[in-house]
Amino acid sequence: MRAVVLRLAAGVLLAVLLASLRITYRPATLCTLRALTGVPCPFCGGTTAAVEIGRGQVLAALRTSPLAVLGAPVVAALPLLRPYLDRVPARWRRGGVLAAVAGSEVWQLARLGLL
């Protein structure tokens, strides 16, 4: 449990630090796929969502990247979840991850007006 709390605290601290950075030149996107093709990846908006979390703007972060906002605590809690996840068939776990990534891609396409 302590490791999960430390992971979450580190994530929040990183988000606050990101929010406090002032960069004079910021590229339009950090996503290579989006920069080259104009099509966002499922993880687009993750950095922006982290900055929004650091500013305390949870709803703005969710609008930007629900996968990043909801996925980060799950990843941080994996050590606690592992015994339960091991009981779930591997194909279901893979299916859940694929569904989350596909849903995120649809969200990003809609958010950027490409759907």
Protein backbone atom coordinates (compact mmCIF):
# COMPACT_ATOMS: atom_id res chain seq x y z
CA MET A 1 0.00 0.00 0.00
CA ARG A 2 2.84 2.36 0.87
CA ALA A 3 4.39 1.89 -2.58
CA VAL A 4 1.10 2.82 -4.26
CA VAL A 5 0.74 5.96 -2.16
CA LEU A 6 4.33 6.92 -2.98
CA ARG A 7 3.72 6.33 -6.70
CA LEU A 8 0.58 8.47 -6.65
CA ALA A 9 2.33 11.22 -4.69
CA ALA A 10 5.23 11.19 -7.16
CA GLY A 11 2.77 11.46 -10.06
CA VAL A 12 0.96 14.40 -8.48
CA LEU A 13 4.29 16.10 -7.69
CA LEU A 14 5.41 15.64 -11.29
CA ALA A 15 2.11 17.10 -12.52
CA VAL A 16 2.51 20.14 -10.26
CA LEU A 17 6.08 20.63 -11.51
CA LEU A 18 4.92 20.38 -15.13
CA ALA A 19 2.20 22.93 -14.45
CA SER A 20 4.73 25.38 -13.04
CA LEU A 21 7.07 25.22 -16.05
CA ARG A 22 7.00 28.20 -18.39
CA ILE A 23 8.43 27.29 -21.77
CA THR A 24 8.85 30.15 -24.24
CA TYR A 25 8.74 27.86 -27.26
CA ARG A 26 6.46 24.87 -27.03
CA PRO A 27 5.90 22.66 -30.06
CA ALA A 28 2.32 22.32 -31.26
CA THR A 29 2.43 18.65 -30.29
CA LEU A 30 4.82 16.21 -28.68
CA CYS A 31 3.13 13.29 -30.43
CA THR A 32 5.22 12.10 -33.37
CA LEU A 33 2.24 10.42 -35.06
CA ARG A 34 0.15 13.59 -34.85
CA ALA A 35 3.06 15.78 -35.98
CA LEU A 36 3.69 13.63 -39.05
CA THR A 37 0.15 12.65 -40.04
CA GLY A 38 -2.21 15.02 -38.24
CA VAL A 39 -3.89 11.98 -36.66
CA PRO A 40 -3.66 11.77 -32.86
CA CYS A 41 -2.56 8.64 -31.06
CA PRO A 42 -4.62 7.21 -28.17
CA PHE A 43 -2.14 8.75 -25.72
CA CYS A 44 -2.32 12.28 -27.16
CA GLY A 45 -3.06 14.91 -24.55
CA GLY A 46 -1.34 13.02 -21.74
CA THR A 47 1.18 15.78 -21.04
CA THR A 48 -1.50 18.47 -21.24
CA ALA A 49 -3.73 16.43 -18.92
CA ALA A 50 -0.86 16.13 -16.42
CA VAL A 51 -0.38 19.91 -16.52
CA GLU A 52 -4.12 20.42 -15.97
CA ILE A 53 -4.04 18.02 -12.99
CA GLY A 54 -1.09 19.99 -11.62
CA ARG A 55 -3.18 23.15 -11.87
CA GLY A 56 -6.07 21.45 -10.10
CA GLN A 57 -8.23 21.41 -13.25
CA VAL A 58 -9.42 17.80 -13.10
CA LEU A 59 -12.36 18.25 -15.51
CA ALA A 60 -10.14 19.95 -18.09
CA ALA A 61 -7.67 17.08 -17.75
CA LEU A 62 -10.46 14.53 -18.25
CA ARG A 63 -11.66 16.37 -21.36
CA THR A 64 -8.13 16.32 -22.74
CA SER A 65 -7.18 12.71 -22.02
CA PRO A 66 -9.43 10.45 -19.97
CA LEU A 67 -7.00 7.57 -20.57
CA ALA A 68 -4.14 9.45 -18.90
CA VAL A 69 -6.23 10.71 -15.98
CA LEU A 70 -7.93 7.41 -15.23
CA GLY A 71 -5.07 5.16 -16.29
CA ALA A 72 -2.35 6.73 -14.14
CA PRO A 73 -3.91 5.75 -10.79
CA VAL A 74 -4.59 2.24 -12.12
CA VAL A 75 -0.94 1.85 -13.17
CA ALA A 76 0.17 3.20 -9.78
CA ALA A 77 -2.07 0.67 -8.03
CA LEU A 78 -0.97 -2.34 -10.10
CA PRO A 79 0.98 -3.90 -7.22
CA LEU A 80 -2.25 -3.99 -5.19
CA LEU A 81 -4.38 -5.08 -8.14
CA ARG A 82 -2.05 -7.86 -9.33
CA PRO A 83 -3.61 -10.68 -7.21
CA TYR A 84 -7.06 -9.81 -8.56
CA LEU A 85 -5.92 -9.31 -12.14
CA ASP A 86 -4.16 -12.68 -12.13
CA ARG A 87 -7.57 -14.30 -11.64
CA VAL A 88 -8.89 -12.70 -14.84
CA PRO A 89 -8.16 -14.65 -18.04
CA ALA A 90 -5.31 -13.13 -20.06
CA ARG A 91 -7.51 -12.61 -23.14
CA TRP A 92 -9.96 -10.56 -21.05
CA ARG A 93 -7.13 -8.42 -19.69
CA ARG A 94 -5.80 -7.87 -23.21
CA GLY A 95 -9.32 -7.13 -24.41
CA GLY A 96 -9.81 -4.58 -21.66
CA VAL A 97 -6.57 -2.81 -22.53
CA LEU A 98 -7.42 -2.85 -26.24
CA ALA A 99 -10.91 -1.49 -25.53
CA ALA A 100 -9.47 1.33 -23.40
CA VAL A 101 -6.92 2.24 -26.08
CA ALA A 102 -9.51 2.07 -28.88
CA GLY A 103 -11.95 4.17 -26.85
CA SER A 104 -9.20 6.69 -26.21
CA GLU A 105 -8.40 6.91 -29.92
CA VAL A 106 -12.06 7.59 -30.74
CA TRP A 107 -12.11 10.24 -27.97
CA GLN A 108 -8.99 11.94 -29.36
CA LEU A 109 -10.33 11.90 -32.93
CA ALA A 110 -13.60 13.47 -31.75
CA ARG A 111 -11.84 15.98 -29.49
CA LEU A 112 -9.73 17.24 -32.38
CA GLY A 113 -12.68 17.36 -34.78
CA LEU A 114 -11.49 14.49 -36.99
CA LEU A 115 -14.64 12.38 -36.51
